[in-house]
Amino acid sequence: QVQLVESGGGLVQAGGSLRLSCAASGRTVSVSMMGWFRQAPGKEREFVGSIKLNSAFTWRADSVKGRFTISTDNAKNTMYLQMNSLKPEDTAIYYCAARTTLSPITYAKANQYTYWGQGTQVTVSS
């Protein structure tokens, strides 16, 4: 089992920045890819970005390219989501997720991720 704990959410004005963290514990050696998803009220959970742990290769949703960056600190078993130039439409609960399989095809599919954190709220005011 792998446990994931997000932190770093909060309230920020439009144009501001936040950095989310996702600390992994447990059987982390089995994890090959981690990702960030978000869910706004009344909307479905959507892909934000993901990272391959053995290469640090990342994918990002078009809506966040140029603004959000995903990185990891493998020594700390922690993934980060640096969010810059935040917009009100970025308001959502942000979840980190982990999976034991690698795929350049299903990296954005939430149902391919086995482990999930509890989520952290990000609110961007206009």
Protein backbone atom coordinates (compact mmCIF):
# COMPACT_ATOMS: atom_id res chain seq x y z
CA GLN A 1 0.00 0.00 0.00
CA VAL A 2 1.00 3.58 -0.62
CA GLN A 3 -0.25 6.53 1.38
CA LEU A 4 -0.38 10.02 -0.11
CA VAL A 5 -0.79 13.28 1.79
CA GLU A 6 -1.24 16.62 0.04
CA SER A 7 -0.46 20.00 1.54
CA GLY A 8 0.01 23.58 0.46
CA GLY A 9 -3.46 24.56 -0.63
CA GLY A 10 -5.07 27.84 0.33
CA LEU A 11 -6.57 31.10 -0.80
CA VAL A 12 -4.67 33.25 -3.28
CA GLN A 13 -5.49 36.19 -5.51
CA ALA A 14 -5.57 35.85 -9.26
CA GLY A 15 -2.07 36.09 -10.68
CA GLY A 16 -0.54 34.65 -7.54
CA SER A 17 1.32 31.41 -6.91
CA LEU A 18 1.03 28.33 -4.74
CA ARG A 19 3.09 25.18 -4.38
CA LEU A 20 1.36 21.95 -3.53
CA SER A 21 3.22 19.00 -2.05
CA CYS A 22 2.35 15.33 -2.07
CA ALA A 23 4.25 13.17 0.39
CA ALA A 24 4.26 9.44 -0.31
CA SER A 25 4.87 6.71 2.22
CA GLY A 26 4.56 2.97 2.41
CA ARG A 27 5.50 0.74 -0.52
CA THR A 28 6.71 3.63 -2.66
CA VAL A 29 9.16 1.40 -4.55
CA SER A 30 6.17 0.06 -6.49
CA VAL A 31 5.16 3.50 -7.80
CA SER A 32 6.18 4.33 -11.37
CA MET A 33 4.10 7.41 -12.09
CA MET A 34 2.41 10.11 -10.05
CA GLY A 35 -0.12 12.69 -11.06
CA TRP A 36 -2.22 15.67 -10.07
CA PHE A 37 -5.95 15.91 -10.68
CA ARG A 38 -8.47 18.52 -9.64
CA GLN A 39 -12.19 18.71 -9.15
CA ALA A 40 -14.22 21.88 -9.06
CA PRO A 41 -17.75 21.99 -7.58
CA GLY A 42 -20.24 20.41 -9.91
CA LYS A 43 -17.59 19.23 -12.33
CA GLU A 44 -15.85 15.97 -13.02
CA ARG A 45 -12.34 15.28 -11.83
CA GLU A 46 -9.87 16.43 -14.46
CA PHE A 47 -6.24 15.73 -15.22
CA VAL A 48 -3.70 18.43 -14.37
CA GLY A 49 -0.37 16.70 -14.95
CA SER A 50 1.73 13.65 -14.26
CA ILE A 51 5.35 12.64 -13.96
CA LYS A 52 7.33 9.47 -14.62
CA LEU A 53 9.46 8.83 -11.58
CA ASN A 54 12.36 7.15 -13.36
CA SER A 55 12.89 9.93 -15.87
CA ALA A 56 11.07 12.99 -14.54
CA PHE A 57 9.26 13.24 -17.87
CA THR A 58 6.02 15.14 -17.41
CA TRP A 59 2.70 15.61 -19.12
CA ARG A 60 0.44 18.59 -18.44
CA ALA A 61 -3.05 19.53 -19.43
CA ASP A 62 -3.28 22.28 -22.03
CA SER A 63 -5.09 24.51 -19.56
CA VAL A 64 -2.06 24.65 -17.25
CA LYS A 65 0.87 24.52 -19.67
CA GLY A 66 3.18 27.46 -19.18
CA ARG A 67 1.80 28.08 -15.68
CA PHE A 68 2.09 24.83 -13.70
CA THR A 69 5.21 22.72 -13.21
CA ILE A 70 5.47 19.21 -11.76
CA SER A 71 8.59 17.95 -10.06
CA THR A 72 9.71 15.38 -7.53
CA ASP A 73 12.24 15.03 -4.77
CA ASN A 74 12.88 11.31 -4.78
CA ALA A 75 14.94 11.46 -1.61
CA LYS A 76 11.89 12.82 0.19
CA ASN A 77 9.34 10.72 -1.72
CA THR A 78 7.55 13.96 -2.47
CA MET A 79 5.93 15.36 -5.61
CA TYR A 80 5.30 19.06 -6.11
CA LEU A 81 2.95 21.15 -8.19
CA GLN A 82 4.18 24.70 -8.65
CA MET A 83 1.28 26.84 -9.76
CA ASN A 84 1.94 30.31 -11.14
CA SER A 85 -0.30 32.91 -12.74
CA LEU A 86 -3.29 31.38 -11.03
CA LYS A 87 -6.77 32.09 -12.39
CA PRO A 88 -10.18 31.87 -10.71
CA GLU A 89 -10.96 28.87 -12.91
CA ASP A 90 -8.11 27.00 -11.20
CA THR A 91 -10.23 26.89 -8.05
CA ALA A 92 -10.75 23.24 -7.11
CA ILE A 93 -9.78 20.48 -4.76
CA TYR A 94 -6.43 19.18 -5.93
CA TYR A 95 -5.63 15.50 -5.53
CA CYS A 96 -2.38 13.68 -5.96
CA ALA A 97 -2.38 10.13 -7.23
CA ALA A 98 0.06 7.32 -7.82
CA ARG A 99 0.13 4.26 -10.03
CA THR A 100 2.34 1.22 -10.45
CA THR A 101 2.14 1.09 -14.24
CA LEU A 102 3.65 3.29 -16.92
CA SER A 103 1.74 4.33 -20.00
CA PRO A 104 2.16 7.15 -22.50
CA ILE A 105 -1.48 6.58 -23.42
CA THR A 106 -3.39 6.48 -20.14
CA TYR A 107 -1.36 8.98 -18.13
CA ALA A 108 -4.37 11.31 -17.90
CA LYS A 109 -6.95 8.70 -16.92
CA ALA A 110 -7.89 8.86 -13.25
CA ASN A 111 -9.09 5.26 -13.17
CA GLN A 112 -5.55 4.07 -13.96
CA TYR A 113 -4.23 5.48 -10.70
CA THR A 114 -4.39 3.16 -7.72
CA TYR A 115 -3.57 5.42 -4.81
CA TRP A 116 -5.09 8.80 -3.94
CA GLY A 117 -4.56 11.50 -1.39
CA GLN A 118 -7.34 13.22 0.52
CA GLY A 119 -7.14 16.41 -1.51
CA THR A 120 -6.27 20.00 -0.73
CA GLN A 121 -8.43 23.03 -1.51
CA VAL A 122 -7.11 25.75 -3.78
CA THR A 123 -9.19 28.90 -4.07
CA VAL A 124 -8.27 31.72 -6.43
CA SER A 125 -10.09 34.99 -5.94
CA SER A 126 -10.63 37.47 -8.72
